[in-house]
Each structure stands twice: as structure tokens, then as C-alpha cells.
Amino acid sequence: MAIEKPQLGGVVIDEGTSEAIKLLHDNKTAIINKFTTDSMSQEPVEGIQKLQDAFDHFQPSVDITHTTEDGQDVNETLHFSNVSAFTVKGMIEQSSFLQDLKSKEDDFQTVVKRLSTNKVFQKLLADPAGKAAFVEALEALITELDAADEE
């Protein structure tokens, strides 16, 4: 909000400017956590000159509990040996659960891309009767797959 009349020592800030803080996108998650178990009880460490030295000395890690689509918990420990370990790619590389999710996402994205560029499929979806028949066929396929899983 802009200040209408600056007071003594005040500065006019244009409403069009933005702060240096960027909001996270809705599909992002920030993990803010203590990555060493007993960091407050440790004595000050001297001689650490580089960031990598700090990673090597403290060996930060965090225990994560993932929840599967069935509601089951999967426990994993993520280790952070450098700054790139904090990236999405770095976390996926060390988590078998996240690797499985990424693989499923890639498969779904491939299907979506193929279906969105398929002209015959687009014509099918444009026709209400064709779309209803396609949905019915998908539901029958889901029922058949569920029955096969139960066997």
C-alpha cells in the first residue's frame, strides 16, 4: 500500500513495486525443518570454510513419511549431502517412493499428450454419443482390472 503523504523520514513506495519475497505456486511445497538431530546441544564448529564442509560435518538428513493412495505409510530417510539434494530431482533420486510416483506421472503425461494430439480421439470426444460410449468402455475396463487384481 502506498503512503499518501510521506512523513518525516518516510519514503513513498509505488504500489506497482513488489517485495523481494516471491510466493510459492499452489502446486509447490516448502519443507522447513531442522535437519540435524541435536544441533542446539553441539559445540560451535570451527574451521568450516565452505558450504560442502558444513554438509560433510553435519550430514543433514530428515525422516519422511509418505502416504500411499491406499492410506498406508511409507517411511524413508532423505540425506542432504549438497545443495542439489534439496531440489525436486535430488529428492526423487534418493526416494524409491518418489521415483515410483514420478514414473507414474511420466506415464500419465505421455498418455495425455498422445490423446490430445490424436485427431480421431478428439472427434470421438466431440460427439456426445461417442464420448458416452468411450466412458462406458473405460468403466468396463476398470471393472475388469479391479476383478483381475482381486484374483
N, C-alpha and C. Protein backbone atom coordinates (compact mmCIF):
# COMPACT_ATOMS: atom_id res chain seq x y z
N MET A 1 0.85 -1.16 0.00
CA MET A 1 0.00 0.00 0.00
C MET A 1 0.90 1.23 0.00
N ALA A 2 0.62 2.18 -0.84
CA ALA A 2 1.43 3.39 -0.94
C ALA A 2 1.06 4.37 0.17
N ILE A 3 2.04 5.10 0.62
CA ILE A 3 1.81 6.13 1.62
C ILE A 3 1.43 7.39 0.86
N GLU A 4 0.27 7.97 1.22
CA GLU A 4 -0.21 9.15 0.51
C GLU A 4 0.71 10.34 0.69
N LYS A 5 0.99 10.70 1.93
CA LYS A 5 1.84 11.85 2.21
C LYS A 5 2.99 11.38 3.09
N PRO A 6 4.21 11.43 2.58
CA PRO A 6 5.33 10.97 3.41
C PRO A 6 5.53 11.85 4.63
N GLN A 7 5.79 11.18 5.74
CA GLN A 7 6.06 11.88 6.98
C GLN A 7 7.57 12.11 7.08
N LEU A 8 8.00 12.67 8.15
CA LEU A 8 9.41 12.93 8.37
C LEU A 8 10.17 11.60 8.32
N GLY A 9 11.10 11.46 7.40
CA GLY A 9 11.88 10.24 7.24
C GLY A 9 11.17 9.17 6.45
N GLY A 10 9.97 9.45 5.97
CA GLY A 10 9.21 8.45 5.23
C GLY A 10 9.64 8.38 3.78
N VAL A 11 9.31 7.30 3.15
CA VAL A 11 9.63 7.08 1.75
C VAL A 11 8.35 6.68 1.03
N VAL A 12 8.12 7.26 -0.14
CA VAL A 12 6.96 6.89 -0.94
C VAL A 12 7.29 5.62 -1.69
N ILE A 13 6.45 4.60 -1.51
CA ILE A 13 6.65 3.33 -2.19
C ILE A 13 5.51 3.18 -3.19
N ASP A 14 5.87 3.04 -4.45
CA ASP A 14 4.88 2.89 -5.51
C ASP A 14 4.15 1.56 -5.33
N GLU A 15 2.82 1.57 -5.50
CA GLU A 15 2.04 0.35 -5.34
C GLU A 15 2.39 -0.69 -6.39
N GLY A 16 2.95 -0.27 -7.50
CA GLY A 16 3.29 -1.21 -8.57
C GLY A 16 4.54 -2.03 -8.28
N THR A 17 5.30 -1.65 -7.28
CA THR A 17 6.51 -2.41 -6.97
C THR A 17 6.16 -3.62 -6.13
N SER A 18 7.01 -4.62 -6.17
CA SER A 18 6.78 -5.81 -5.37
C SER A 18 7.94 -6.03 -4.42
N GLU A 19 7.65 -6.75 -3.37
CA GLU A 19 8.69 -7.07 -2.41
C GLU A 19 9.63 -8.11 -3.00
N ALA A 20 10.70 -8.36 -2.31
CA ALA A 20 11.68 -9.34 -2.78
C ALA A 20 11.25 -10.76 -2.43
N ILE A 21 10.11 -10.92 -1.79
CA ILE A 21 9.63 -12.24 -1.42
C ILE A 21 8.66 -12.71 -2.49
N LYS A 22 8.91 -13.91 -3.02
CA LYS A 22 8.01 -14.47 -4.01
C LYS A 22 7.18 -15.56 -3.35
N LEU A 23 5.91 -15.59 -3.67
CA LEU A 23 5.04 -16.61 -3.14
C LEU A 23 5.27 -17.92 -3.88
N LEU A 24 5.08 -19.04 -3.18
CA LEU A 24 5.17 -20.34 -3.83
C LEU A 24 3.94 -20.55 -4.70
N HIS A 25 4.11 -21.26 -5.80
CA HIS A 25 2.97 -21.64 -6.62
C HIS A 25 2.10 -22.59 -5.80
N ASP A 26 0.84 -22.72 -6.19
CA ASP A 26 -0.08 -23.58 -5.45
C ASP A 26 0.34 -25.05 -5.47
N ASN A 27 1.09 -25.46 -6.51
CA ASN A 27 1.48 -26.86 -6.60
C ASN A 27 2.87 -27.12 -6.03
N LYS A 28 3.39 -26.22 -5.19
CA LYS A 28 4.71 -26.38 -4.58
C LYS A 28 4.55 -26.53 -3.08
N THR A 29 5.52 -27.19 -2.48
CA THR A 29 5.54 -27.37 -1.03
C THR A 29 6.89 -26.93 -0.51
N ALA A 30 6.90 -26.15 0.53
CA ALA A 30 8.16 -25.76 1.17
C ALA A 30 8.36 -26.65 2.38
N ILE A 31 9.55 -27.24 2.48
CA ILE A 31 9.89 -28.04 3.65
C ILE A 31 10.84 -27.22 4.49
N ILE A 32 10.38 -26.86 5.66
CA ILE A 32 11.21 -26.10 6.59
C ILE A 32 11.34 -26.97 7.83
N ASN A 33 12.56 -27.38 8.09
CA ASN A 33 12.74 -28.35 9.15
C ASN A 33 14.15 -28.26 9.71
N LYS A 34 14.36 -28.81 10.87
CA LYS A 34 15.68 -28.93 11.45
C LYS A 34 16.27 -30.23 10.90
N PHE A 35 17.42 -30.16 10.23
CA PHE A 35 17.97 -31.33 9.56
C PHE A 35 19.11 -31.99 10.33
N THR A 36 19.36 -31.58 11.54
CA THR A 36 20.31 -32.28 12.40
C THR A 36 19.58 -32.59 13.70
N THR A 37 19.85 -33.73 14.27
CA THR A 37 19.06 -34.18 15.42
C THR A 37 19.32 -33.37 16.68
N ASP A 38 20.56 -32.97 16.91
CA ASP A 38 20.91 -32.31 18.15
C ASP A 38 21.70 -31.04 17.91
N SER A 39 21.29 -30.21 16.97
CA SER A 39 22.10 -29.06 16.57
C SER A 39 22.28 -28.05 17.69
N MET A 40 21.33 -27.91 18.60
CA MET A 40 21.43 -26.90 19.65
C MET A 40 22.41 -27.31 20.74
N SER A 41 22.62 -28.60 20.94
CA SER A 41 23.49 -29.05 22.02
C SER A 41 24.94 -29.20 21.56
N GLN A 42 25.22 -29.02 20.28
CA GLN A 42 26.58 -29.18 19.78
C GLN A 42 27.40 -27.93 20.06
N GLU A 43 28.66 -28.16 20.27
CA GLU A 43 29.59 -27.06 20.44
C GLU A 43 29.79 -26.36 19.09
N PRO A 44 30.13 -25.08 19.11
CA PRO A 44 30.41 -24.40 17.84
C PRO A 44 31.56 -25.09 17.10
N VAL A 45 31.41 -25.20 15.80
CA VAL A 45 32.41 -25.88 14.98
C VAL A 45 33.24 -24.82 14.28
N GLU A 46 34.54 -24.96 14.40
CA GLU A 46 35.44 -24.02 13.74
C GLU A 46 36.11 -24.69 12.57
N GLY A 47 36.56 -23.90 11.64
CA GLY A 47 37.31 -24.42 10.51
C GLY A 47 36.47 -24.75 9.29
N ILE A 48 35.17 -24.56 9.38
CA ILE A 48 34.33 -24.81 8.21
C ILE A 48 34.42 -23.58 7.32
N GLN A 49 35.00 -23.77 6.14
CA GLN A 49 35.21 -22.65 5.23
C GLN A 49 34.23 -22.65 4.06
N LYS A 50 33.77 -23.82 3.69
CA LYS A 50 32.90 -23.94 2.52
C LYS A 50 31.59 -24.59 2.92
N LEU A 51 30.59 -24.39 2.09
CA LEU A 51 29.30 -24.99 2.33
C LEU A 51 29.40 -26.51 2.33
N GLN A 52 30.21 -27.06 1.44
CA GLN A 52 30.37 -28.52 1.38
C GLN A 52 30.98 -29.06 2.67
N ASP A 53 31.86 -28.27 3.30
CA ASP A 53 32.44 -28.67 4.58
C ASP A 53 31.33 -28.79 5.64
N ALA A 54 30.37 -27.88 5.61
CA ALA A 54 29.26 -27.93 6.55
C ALA A 54 28.40 -29.17 6.31
N PHE A 55 28.11 -29.48 5.04
CA PHE A 55 27.35 -30.68 4.72
C PHE A 55 28.09 -31.93 5.20
N ASP A 56 29.41 -31.97 4.96
CA ASP A 56 30.20 -33.13 5.35
C ASP A 56 30.23 -33.30 6.86
N HIS A 57 30.31 -32.19 7.58
CA HIS A 57 30.39 -32.27 9.04
C HIS A 57 29.04 -32.63 9.68
N PHE A 58 27.98 -31.93 9.31
CA PHE A 58 26.70 -32.12 9.97
C PHE A 58 25.88 -33.27 9.39
N GLN A 59 26.12 -33.64 8.14
CA GLN A 59 25.40 -34.72 7.45
C GLN A 59 23.89 -34.63 7.70
N PRO A 60 23.27 -33.54 7.22
CA PRO A 60 21.83 -33.37 7.47
C PRO A 60 20.99 -34.44 6.79
N SER A 61 19.95 -34.85 7.49
CA SER A 61 19.00 -35.82 6.96
C SER A 61 17.66 -35.58 7.63
N VAL A 62 16.63 -36.13 7.04
CA VAL A 62 15.29 -35.98 7.61
C VAL A 62 14.50 -37.26 7.33
N ASP A 63 13.74 -37.69 8.34
CA ASP A 63 12.86 -38.84 8.17
C ASP A 63 11.53 -38.34 7.63
N ILE A 64 11.09 -38.96 6.55
CA ILE A 64 9.86 -38.55 5.86
C ILE A 64 8.87 -39.71 5.89
N THR A 65 7.62 -39.41 6.10
CA THR A 65 6.56 -40.41 6.00
C THR A 65 5.66 -40.02 4.84
N HIS A 66 5.64 -40.86 3.83
CA HIS A 66 4.75 -40.66 2.67
C HIS A 66 3.48 -41.47 2.91
N THR A 67 2.39 -41.02 2.36
CA THR A 67 1.14 -41.76 2.44
C THR A 67 0.75 -42.21 1.04
N THR A 68 0.55 -43.50 0.88
CA THR A 68 0.17 -44.05 -0.42
C THR A 68 -1.30 -43.76 -0.69
N GLU A 69 -1.73 -44.04 -1.91
CA GLU A 69 -3.13 -43.81 -2.26
C GLU A 69 -4.06 -44.73 -1.48
N ASP A 70 -3.53 -45.85 -0.94
CA ASP A 70 -4.32 -46.76 -0.11
C ASP A 70 -4.40 -46.29 1.34
N GLY A 71 -3.63 -45.25 1.69
CA GLY A 71 -3.63 -44.75 3.05
C GLY A 71 -2.53 -45.35 3.92
N GLN A 72 -1.66 -46.17 3.32
CA GLN A 72 -0.56 -46.77 4.08
C GLN A 72 0.61 -45.80 4.14
N ASP A 73 1.37 -45.89 5.22
CA ASP A 73 2.52 -45.02 5.40
C ASP A 73 3.78 -45.71 4.89
N VAL A 74 4.63 -44.93 4.21
CA VAL A 74 5.94 -45.40 3.75
C VAL A 74 6.98 -44.47 4.36
N ASN A 75 7.87 -45.03 5.17
CA ASN A 75 8.90 -44.24 5.84
C ASN A 75 10.20 -44.30 5.06
N GLU A 76 10.84 -43.15 4.91
CA GLU A 76 12.13 -43.05 4.24
C GLU A 76 12.97 -41.99 4.94
N THR A 77 14.27 -42.08 4.75
CA THR A 77 15.18 -41.06 5.26
C THR A 77 15.86 -40.41 4.07
N LEU A 78 15.75 -39.09 3.96
CA LEU A 78 16.42 -38.35 2.90
C LEU A 78 17.68 -37.74 3.47
N HIS A 79 18.79 -37.92 2.76
CA HIS A 79 20.08 -37.38 3.18
C HIS A 79 20.44 -36.22 2.26
N PHE A 80 21.02 -35.18 2.82
CA PHE A 80 21.35 -33.99 2.05
C PHE A 80 22.87 -33.78 2.12
N SER A 81 23.54 -34.19 1.05
CA SER A 81 25.00 -34.11 1.02
C SER A 81 25.50 -32.88 0.29
N ASN A 82 24.60 -32.17 -0.38
CA ASN A 82 24.94 -30.92 -1.06
C ASN A 82 23.65 -30.16 -1.34
N VAL A 83 23.78 -28.96 -1.88
CA VAL A 83 22.61 -28.11 -2.11
C VAL A 83 21.66 -28.74 -3.13
N SER A 84 22.19 -29.43 -4.13
CA SER A 84 21.32 -30.01 -5.16
C SER A 84 20.44 -31.13 -4.60
N ALA A 85 20.78 -31.67 -3.44
CA ALA A 85 19.94 -32.70 -2.82
C ALA A 85 18.61 -32.12 -2.35
N PHE A 86 18.51 -30.79 -2.23
CA PHE A 86 17.27 -30.14 -1.82
C PHE A 86 16.32 -29.90 -2.99
N THR A 87 16.78 -30.12 -4.23
CA THR A 87 15.93 -29.91 -5.39
C THR A 87 14.96 -31.08 -5.54
N VAL A 88 13.94 -30.89 -6.34
CA VAL A 88 12.98 -31.97 -6.60
C VAL A 88 13.70 -33.19 -7.16
N LYS A 89 14.57 -32.96 -8.14
CA LYS A 89 15.31 -34.07 -8.76
C LYS A 89 16.18 -34.78 -7.73
N GLY A 90 16.84 -34.01 -6.86
CA GLY A 90 17.70 -34.59 -5.83
C GLY A 90 16.93 -35.46 -4.85
N MET A 91 15.73 -35.02 -4.49
CA MET A 91 14.92 -35.80 -3.55
C MET A 91 14.36 -37.05 -4.22
N ILE A 92 13.95 -36.91 -5.49
CA ILE A 92 13.41 -38.07 -6.21
C ILE A 92 14.48 -39.13 -6.39
N GLU A 93 15.72 -38.73 -6.66
CA GLU A 93 16.79 -39.69 -6.88
C GLU A 93 17.05 -40.58 -5.68
N GLN A 94 16.81 -40.10 -4.48
CA GLN A 94 17.11 -40.90 -3.30
C GLN A 94 15.88 -41.53 -2.65
N SER A 95 14.72 -41.40 -3.27
CA SER A 95 13.50 -41.94 -2.70
C SER A 95 12.82 -42.89 -3.69
N SER A 96 12.73 -44.15 -3.33
CA SER A 96 12.07 -45.12 -4.22
C SER A 96 10.58 -44.80 -4.35
N PHE A 97 9.96 -44.30 -3.28
CA PHE A 97 8.55 -43.92 -3.33
C PHE A 97 8.34 -42.79 -4.34
N LEU A 98 9.18 -41.75 -4.25
CA LEU A 98 9.04 -40.62 -5.17
C LEU A 98 9.41 -41.01 -6.61
N GLN A 99 10.34 -41.94 -6.77
CA GLN A 99 10.68 -42.43 -8.11
C GLN A 99 9.48 -43.12 -8.74
N ASP A 100 8.77 -43.91 -7.94
CA ASP A 100 7.57 -44.59 -8.43
C ASP A 100 6.49 -43.58 -8.83
N LEU A 101 6.29 -42.55 -8.00
CA LEU A 101 5.31 -41.51 -8.33
C LEU A 101 5.70 -40.77 -9.60
N LYS A 102 6.99 -40.46 -9.75
CA LYS A 102 7.47 -39.74 -10.93
C LYS A 102 7.26 -40.59 -12.18
N SER A 103 7.51 -41.88 -12.07
CA SER A 103 7.30 -42.78 -13.20
C SER A 103 5.83 -42.81 -13.62
N LYS A 104 4.94 -42.88 -12.63
CA LYS A 104 3.50 -42.86 -12.94
C LYS A 104 3.11 -41.53 -13.57
N GLU A 105 3.65 -40.42 -13.06
CA GLU A 105 3.34 -39.11 -13.63
C GLU A 105 3.81 -39.04 -15.08
N ASP A 106 5.01 -39.53 -15.35
CA ASP A 106 5.53 -39.52 -16.71
C ASP A 106 4.65 -40.35 -17.65
N ASP A 107 4.19 -41.51 -17.16
CA ASP A 107 3.30 -42.35 -17.97
C ASP A 107 1.99 -41.63 -18.28
N PHE A 108 1.41 -41.00 -17.26
CA PHE A 108 0.15 -40.28 -17.46
C PHE A 108 0.34 -39.10 -18.42
N GLN A 109 1.45 -38.39 -18.30
CA GLN A 109 1.72 -37.26 -19.19
C GLN A 109 1.87 -37.73 -20.64
N THR A 110 2.48 -38.88 -20.82
CA THR A 110 2.63 -39.45 -22.17
C THR A 110 1.26 -39.77 -22.76
N VAL A 111 0.39 -40.37 -21.95
CA VAL A 111 -0.96 -40.71 -22.42
C VAL A 111 -1.73 -39.44 -22.76
N VAL A 112 -1.65 -38.43 -21.89
CA VAL A 112 -2.36 -37.17 -22.13
C VAL A 112 -1.87 -36.52 -23.42
N LYS A 113 -0.57 -36.52 -23.63
CA LYS A 113 -0.01 -35.92 -24.84
C LYS A 113 -0.48 -36.65 -26.09
N ARG A 114 -0.45 -37.97 -26.03
CA ARG A 114 -0.89 -38.76 -27.19
C ARG A 114 -2.37 -38.55 -27.47
N LEU A 115 -3.18 -38.52 -26.41
CA LEU A 115 -4.62 -38.34 -26.62
C LEU A 115 -4.96 -36.93 -27.10
N SER A 116 -4.21 -35.93 -26.63
CA SER A 116 -4.52 -34.56 -27.03
C SER A 116 -4.11 -34.27 -28.48
N THR A 117 -3.22 -35.08 -29.03
CA THR A 117 -2.81 -34.88 -30.42
C THR A 117 -3.47 -35.86 -31.39
N ASN A 118 -4.31 -36.76 -30.88
CA ASN A 118 -4.97 -37.77 -31.70
C ASN A 118 -6.27 -37.20 -32.24
N LYS A 119 -6.33 -36.98 -33.54
CA LYS A 119 -7.50 -36.36 -34.17
C LYS A 119 -8.75 -37.25 -34.09
N VAL A 120 -8.56 -38.55 -34.23
CA VAL A 120 -9.70 -39.47 -34.14
C VAL A 120 -10.30 -39.42 -32.74
N PHE A 121 -9.45 -39.37 -31.74
CA PHE A 121 -9.92 -39.30 -30.36
C PHE A 121 -10.63 -37.98 -30.10
N GLN A 122 -10.11 -36.90 -30.65
CA GLN A 122 -10.75 -35.59 -30.48
C GLN A 122 -12.15 -35.58 -31.10
N LYS A 123 -12.31 -36.22 -32.27
CA LYS A 123 -13.63 -36.31 -32.90
C LYS A 123 -14.58 -37.15 -32.05
N LEU A 124 -14.04 -38.22 -31.46
CA LEU A 124 -14.84 -39.09 -30.60
C LEU A 124 -15.37 -38.31 -29.40
N LEU A 125 -14.52 -37.49 -28.79
CA LEU A 125 -14.93 -36.72 -27.62
C LEU A 125 -15.88 -35.58 -27.98
N ALA A 126 -15.81 -35.10 -29.20
CA ALA A 126 -16.69 -34.02 -29.64
C ALA A 126 -18.13 -34.51 -29.81
N ASP A 127 -18.30 -35.80 -30.11
CA ASP A 127 -19.62 -36.40 -30.28
C ASP A 127 -20.12 -36.91 -28.93
N PRO A 128 -21.26 -36.39 -28.42
CA PRO A 128 -21.74 -36.82 -27.09
C PRO A 128 -21.99 -38.33 -27.00
N ALA A 129 -22.52 -38.93 -28.05
CA ALA A 129 -22.79 -40.37 -28.01
C ALA A 129 -21.47 -41.14 -28.01
N GLY A 130 -20.51 -40.70 -28.80
CA GLY A 130 -19.21 -41.35 -28.84
C GLY A 130 -18.48 -41.22 -27.51
N LYS A 131 -18.60 -40.04 -26.91
CA LYS A 131 -17.96 -39.80 -25.61
C LYS A 131 -18.57 -40.72 -24.55
N ALA A 132 -19.90 -40.85 -24.55
CA ALA A 132 -20.58 -41.71 -23.57
C ALA A 132 -20.15 -43.16 -23.76
N ALA A 133 -20.04 -43.60 -25.01
CA ALA A 133 -19.60 -44.98 -25.29
C ALA A 133 -18.16 -45.20 -24.82
N PHE A 134 -17.31 -44.20 -25.01
CA PHE A 134 -15.92 -44.30 -24.58
C PHE A 134 -15.82 -44.37 -23.05
N VAL A 135 -16.59 -43.56 -22.36
CA VAL A 135 -16.60 -43.57 -20.89
C VAL A 135 -17.11 -44.92 -20.39
N GLU A 136 -18.13 -45.47 -21.05
CA GLU A 136 -18.66 -46.78 -20.67
C GLU A 136 -17.61 -47.87 -20.87
N ALA A 137 -16.86 -47.78 -21.97
CA ALA A 137 -15.80 -48.76 -22.22
C ALA A 137 -14.69 -48.65 -21.17
N LEU A 138 -14.35 -47.42 -20.77
CA LEU A 138 -13.33 -47.23 -19.73
C LEU A 138 -13.80 -47.80 -18.40
N GLU A 139 -15.06 -47.58 -18.05
CA GLU A 139 -15.60 -48.11 -16.79
C GLU A 139 -15.58 -49.63 -16.80
N ALA A 140 -15.89 -50.24 -17.94
CA ALA A 140 -15.84 -51.70 -18.05
C ALA A 140 -14.41 -52.20 -17.90
N LEU A 141 -13.45 -51.47 -18.47
CA LEU A 141 -12.04 -51.83 -18.34
C LEU A 141 -11.58 -51.73 -16.89
N ILE A 142 -12.01 -50.69 -16.19
CA ILE A 142 -11.65 -50.52 -14.77
C ILE A 142 -12.22 -51.67 -13.95
N THR A 143 -13.46 -52.04 -14.22
CA THR A 143 -14.09 -53.15 -13.50
C THR A 143 -13.32 -54.45 -13.75
N GLU A 144 -12.93 -54.66 -14.99
CA GLU A 144 -12.18 -55.87 -15.34
C GLU A 144 -10.81 -55.89 -14.67
N LEU A 145 -10.13 -54.75 -14.64
CA LEU A 145 -8.82 -54.67 -13.99
C LEU A 145 -8.93 -54.88 -12.48
N ASP A 146 -9.97 -54.30 -11.87
CA ASP A 146 -10.18 -54.49 -10.44
C ASP A 146 -10.45 -55.96 -10.11
N ALA A 147 -11.23 -56.63 -10.97
CA ALA A 147 -11.51 -58.06 -10.76
C ALA A 147 -10.23 -58.87 -10.90
N ALA A 148 -9.36 -58.50 -11.83
CA ALA A 148 -8.09 -59.22 -12.02
C ALA A 148 -7.16 -59.02 -10.82
N ASP A 149 -7.21 -57.84 -10.21
CA ASP A 149 -6.38 -57.55 -9.03
C ASP A 149 -6.82 -58.38 -7.82
N GLU A 150 -8.12 -58.66 -7.72
CA GLU A 150 -8.65 -59.40 -6.58
C GLU A 150 -8.33 -60.87 -6.66
N GLU A 151 -8.01 -61.38 -7.85
CA GLU A 151 -7.75 -62.81 -8.02
C GLU A 151 -6.42 -63.21 -7.50
